[in-house]
Amino acid sequence: ELANATITDMQVRQRDVAALDAKYSRELADARAENETLRADVAAGRKRLRINATCSGTVREATGTSGVDNATGPRLADTAERDYFILRERLMTMQKQVEGAQDYIRTQCTKQAFYYPEDT
């Protein structure tokens, strides 16, 4: 009877851990897909990265005779844009790993171990 209860407890815990893993793996895959969609939208010009910056320089008209200065808008260099998306993906990965570990600790490690009556 005790052996069956122990086996049942272990099976329940294994099922719970598998469900946690599936949940956070799915959330991470969704976050990565969202990041990749955003990356593609930025690359295609459908969306833009907003940068809170000012430009110190101006661009003169090509003729040079009008004397009108056109301010250039701030834009990330291609390598900085790529690095932004890499960093964003790594942060999402880290966040899901931490959330998964916290959930595992909360639901599995703090769960009372199987009670053995002869231990009392």
C-alpha atoms as a PDB file:
ATOM      1  CA  GLU A   1       0.000   0.000   0.000  1.00  0.00           C
ATOM      2  CA  LEU A   2       2.785   2.437   0.897  1.00  0.00           C
ATOM      3  CA  ALA A   3       4.703   1.525  -2.257  1.00  0.00           C
ATOM      4  CA  ASN A   4       1.627   2.204  -4.392  1.00  0.00           C
ATOM      5  CA  ALA A   5       1.085   5.561  -2.712  1.00  0.00           C
ATOM      6  CA  THR A   6       4.729   6.489  -3.297  1.00  0.00           C
ATOM      7  CA  ILE A   7       4.517   5.498  -6.960  1.00  0.00           C
ATOM      8  CA  THR A   8       1.307   7.477  -7.383  1.00  0.00           C
ATOM      9  CA  ASP A   9       2.878  10.532  -5.745  1.00  0.00           C
ATOM     10  CA  MET A  10       5.904  10.293  -8.040  1.00  0.00           C
ATOM     11  CA  GLN A  11       3.688   9.941 -11.111  1.00  0.00           C
ATOM     12  CA  VAL A  12       1.671  13.002 -10.119  1.00  0.00           C
ATOM     13  CA  ARG A  13       4.852  15.007  -9.604  1.00  0.00           C
ATOM     14  CA  GLN A  14       6.272  13.880 -12.953  1.00  0.00           C
ATOM     15  CA  ARG A  15       3.033  14.839 -14.695  1.00  0.00           C
ATOM     16  CA  ASP A  16       3.042  18.247 -12.974  1.00  0.00           C
ATOM     17  CA  VAL A  17       6.666  18.910 -13.959  1.00  0.00           C
ATOM     18  CA  ALA A  18       5.957  17.874 -17.562  1.00  0.00           C
ATOM     19  CA  ALA A  19       2.995  20.274 -17.639  1.00  0.00           C
ATOM     20  CA  LEU A  20       5.178  23.098 -16.295  1.00  0.00           C
ATOM     21  CA  ASP A  21       7.824  22.368 -18.908  1.00  0.00           C
ATOM     22  CA  ALA A  22       5.248  22.326 -21.706  1.00  0.00           C
ATOM     23  CA  LYS A  23       3.714  25.595 -20.507  1.00  0.00           C
ATOM     24  CA  TYR A  24       6.975  27.526 -20.370  1.00  0.00           C
ATOM     25  CA  SER A  25       8.330  25.957 -23.553  1.00  0.00           C
ATOM     26  CA  ARG A  26       5.151  27.060 -25.361  1.00  0.00           C
ATOM     27  CA  GLU A  27       5.369  30.568 -23.889  1.00  0.00           C
ATOM     28  CA  LEU A  28       9.022  30.834 -24.924  1.00  0.00           C
ATOM     29  CA  ALA A  29       8.236  29.644 -28.459  1.00  0.00           C
ATOM     30  CA  ASP A  30       5.420  32.213 -28.680  1.00  0.00           C
ATOM     31  CA  ALA A  31       7.714  34.998 -27.456  1.00  0.00           C
ATOM     32  CA  ARG A  32      10.397  34.018 -29.966  1.00  0.00           C
ATOM     33  CA  ALA A  33       7.844  33.973 -32.794  1.00  0.00           C
ATOM     34  CA  GLU A  34       6.599  37.415 -31.739  1.00  0.00           C
ATOM     35  CA  ASN A  35      10.168  38.731 -31.704  1.00  0.00           C
ATOM     36  CA  GLU A  36      10.851  37.259 -35.147  1.00  0.00           C
ATOM     37  CA  THR A  37       7.643  38.817 -36.515  1.00  0.00           C
ATOM     38  CA  LEU A  38       8.678  42.184 -35.117  1.00  0.00           C
ATOM     39  CA  ARG A  39      12.160  41.790 -36.587  1.00  0.00           C
ATOM     40  CA  ALA A  40      10.671  41.000 -40.021  1.00  0.00           C
ATOM     41  CA  ASP A  41       8.238  43.934 -39.784  1.00  0.00           C
ATOM     42  CA  VAL A  42      11.066  46.338 -38.946  1.00  0.00           C
ATOM     43  CA  ALA A  43      13.216  44.962 -41.766  1.00  0.00           C
ATOM     44  CA  ALA A  44      10.322  45.328 -44.245  1.00  0.00           C
ATOM     45  CA  GLY A  45       9.489  48.838 -43.051  1.00  0.00           C
ATOM     46  CA  ARG A  46       6.017  47.913 -41.739  1.00  0.00           C
ATOM     47  CA  LYS A  47       7.085  48.923 -38.225  1.00  0.00           C
ATOM     48  CA  ARG A  48       9.841  51.111 -36.883  1.00  0.00           C
ATOM     49  CA  LEU A  49      11.907  51.093 -33.748  1.00  0.00           C
ATOM     50  CA  ARG A  50      11.274  54.289 -31.859  1.00  0.00           C
ATOM     51  CA  ILE A  51      14.385  55.838 -30.414  1.00  0.00           C
ATOM     52  CA  ASN A  52      14.237  58.663 -27.928  1.00  0.00           C
ATOM     53  CA  ALA A  53      17.178  60.596 -29.346  1.00  0.00           C
ATOM     54  CA  THR A  54      18.170  63.824 -30.979  1.00  0.00           C
ATOM     55  CA  CYS A  55      20.416  64.259 -33.965  1.00  0.00           C
ATOM     56  CA  SER A  56      23.286  66.647 -33.589  1.00  0.00           C
ATOM     57  CA  GLY A  57      23.939  67.057 -37.297  1.00  0.00           C
ATOM     58  CA  THR A  58      21.892  68.205 -40.241  1.00  0.00           C
ATOM     59  CA  VAL A  59      21.965  67.307 -43.894  1.00  0.00           C
ATOM     60  CA  ARG A  60      22.247  70.043 -46.527  1.00  0.00           C
ATOM     61  CA  GLU A  61      20.281  69.971 -49.766  1.00  0.00           C
ATOM     62  CA  ALA A  62      22.250  68.356 -52.576  1.00  0.00           C
ATOM     63  CA  THR A  63      22.340  71.554 -54.634  1.00  0.00           C
ATOM     64  CA  GLY A  64      23.912  73.480 -51.821  1.00  0.00           C
ATOM     65  CA  THR A  65      22.247  76.667 -53.026  1.00  0.00           C
ATOM     66  CA  SER A  66      19.007  76.595 -51.119  1.00  0.00           C
ATOM     67  CA  GLY A  67      20.577  76.851 -47.699  1.00  0.00           C
ATOM     68  CA  VAL A  68      17.779  74.746 -46.214  1.00  0.00           C
ATOM     69  CA  ASP A  69      18.847  72.275 -43.584  1.00  0.00           C
ATOM     70  CA  ASN A  70      16.892  69.026 -43.331  1.00  0.00           C
ATOM     71  CA  ALA A  71      17.155  67.366 -39.951  1.00  0.00           C
ATOM     72  CA  THR A  72      17.866  63.670 -40.189  1.00  0.00           C
ATOM     73  CA  GLY A  73      15.825  61.320 -38.057  1.00  0.00           C
ATOM     74  CA  PRO A  74      17.601  59.094 -35.570  1.00  0.00           C
ATOM     75  CA  ARG A  75      18.066  55.519 -36.720  1.00  0.00           C
ATOM     76  CA  LEU A  76      19.959  52.553 -35.367  1.00  0.00           C
ATOM     77  CA  ALA A  77      22.832  51.236 -37.406  1.00  0.00           C
ATOM     78  CA  ASP A  78      22.091  47.847 -38.949  1.00  0.00           C
ATOM     79  CA  THR A  79      24.390  46.068 -36.494  1.00  0.00           C
ATOM     80  CA  ALA A  80      22.796  47.849 -33.528  1.00  0.00           C
ATOM     81  CA  GLU A  81      19.335  46.900 -34.788  1.00  0.00           C
ATOM     82  CA  ARG A  82      20.399  43.256 -35.099  1.00  0.00           C
ATOM     83  CA  ASP A  83      21.950  43.384 -31.616  1.00  0.00           C
ATOM     84  CA  TYR A  84      18.710  44.863 -30.241  1.00  0.00           C
ATOM     85  CA  PHE A  85      16.696  41.881 -31.427  1.00  0.00           C
ATOM     86  CA  ILE A  86      19.298  39.393 -30.189  1.00  0.00           C
ATOM     87  CA  LEU A  87      19.251  41.053 -26.761  1.00  0.00           C
ATOM     88  CA  ARG A  88      15.446  41.118 -26.756  1.00  0.00           C
ATOM     89  CA  GLU A  89      15.306  37.381 -27.506  1.00  0.00           C
ATOM     90  CA  ARG A  90      17.874  36.564 -24.823  1.00  0.00           C
ATOM     91  CA  LEU A  91      15.965  38.602 -22.256  1.00  0.00           C
ATOM     92  CA  MET A  92      12.736  36.773 -23.109  1.00  0.00           C
ATOM     93  CA  THR A  93      14.519  33.428 -22.826  1.00  0.00           C
ATOM     94  CA  MET A  94      15.976  34.355 -19.454  1.00  0.00           C
ATOM     95  CA  GLN A  95      12.605  35.630 -18.220  1.00  0.00           C
ATOM     96  CA  LYS A  96      10.828  32.388 -19.155  1.00  0.00           C
ATOM     97  CA  GLN A  97      13.600  30.300 -17.582  1.00  0.00           C
ATOM     98  CA  VAL A  98      13.333  32.252 -14.326  1.00  0.00           C
ATOM     99  CA  GLU A  99       9.526  32.072 -14.332  1.00  0.00           C
ATOM    100  CA  GLY A 100       9.678  28.326 -14.971  1.00  0.00           C
ATOM    101  CA  ALA A 101      12.211  27.780 -12.186  1.00  0.00           C
ATOM    102  CA  GLN A 102      10.148  29.863  -9.767  1.00  0.00           C
ATOM    103  CA  ASP A 103       6.986  27.959 -10.664  1.00  0.00           C
ATOM    104  CA  TYR A 104       8.818  24.643 -10.249  1.00  0.00           C
ATOM    105  CA  ILE A 105      10.113  25.667  -6.829  1.00  0.00           C
ATOM    106  CA  ARG A 106       6.720  26.984  -5.768  1.00  0.00           C
ATOM    107  CA  THR A 107       4.752  23.932  -6.926  1.00  0.00           C
ATOM    108  CA  GLN A 108       7.231  21.086  -6.472  1.00  0.00           C
ATOM    109  CA  CYS A 109       9.976  21.915  -3.999  1.00  0.00           C
ATOM    110  CA  THR A 110       7.703  23.423  -1.386  1.00  0.00           C
ATOM    111  CA  LYS A 111       5.120  20.662  -1.806  1.00  0.00           C
ATOM    112  CA  GLN A 112       5.095  18.428   1.224  1.00  0.00           C
ATOM    113  CA  ALA A 113       6.882  15.186   0.530  1.00  0.00           C
ATOM    114  CA  PHE A 114       4.906  11.993   0.744  1.00  0.00           C
ATOM    115  CA  TYR A 115       3.905  11.289   4.325  1.00  0.00           C
ATOM    116  CA  TYR A 116       5.162   8.055   5.816  1.00  0.00           C
ATOM    117  CA  PRO A 117       3.140   7.145   8.932  1.00  0.00           C
ATOM    118  CA  GLU A 118       5.981   5.115  10.464  1.00  0.00           C
ATOM    119  CA  ASP A 119       8.189   8.255  10.491  1.00  0.00           C
ATOM    120  CA  THR A 120       6.203   9.665  13.404  1.00  0.00           C
END
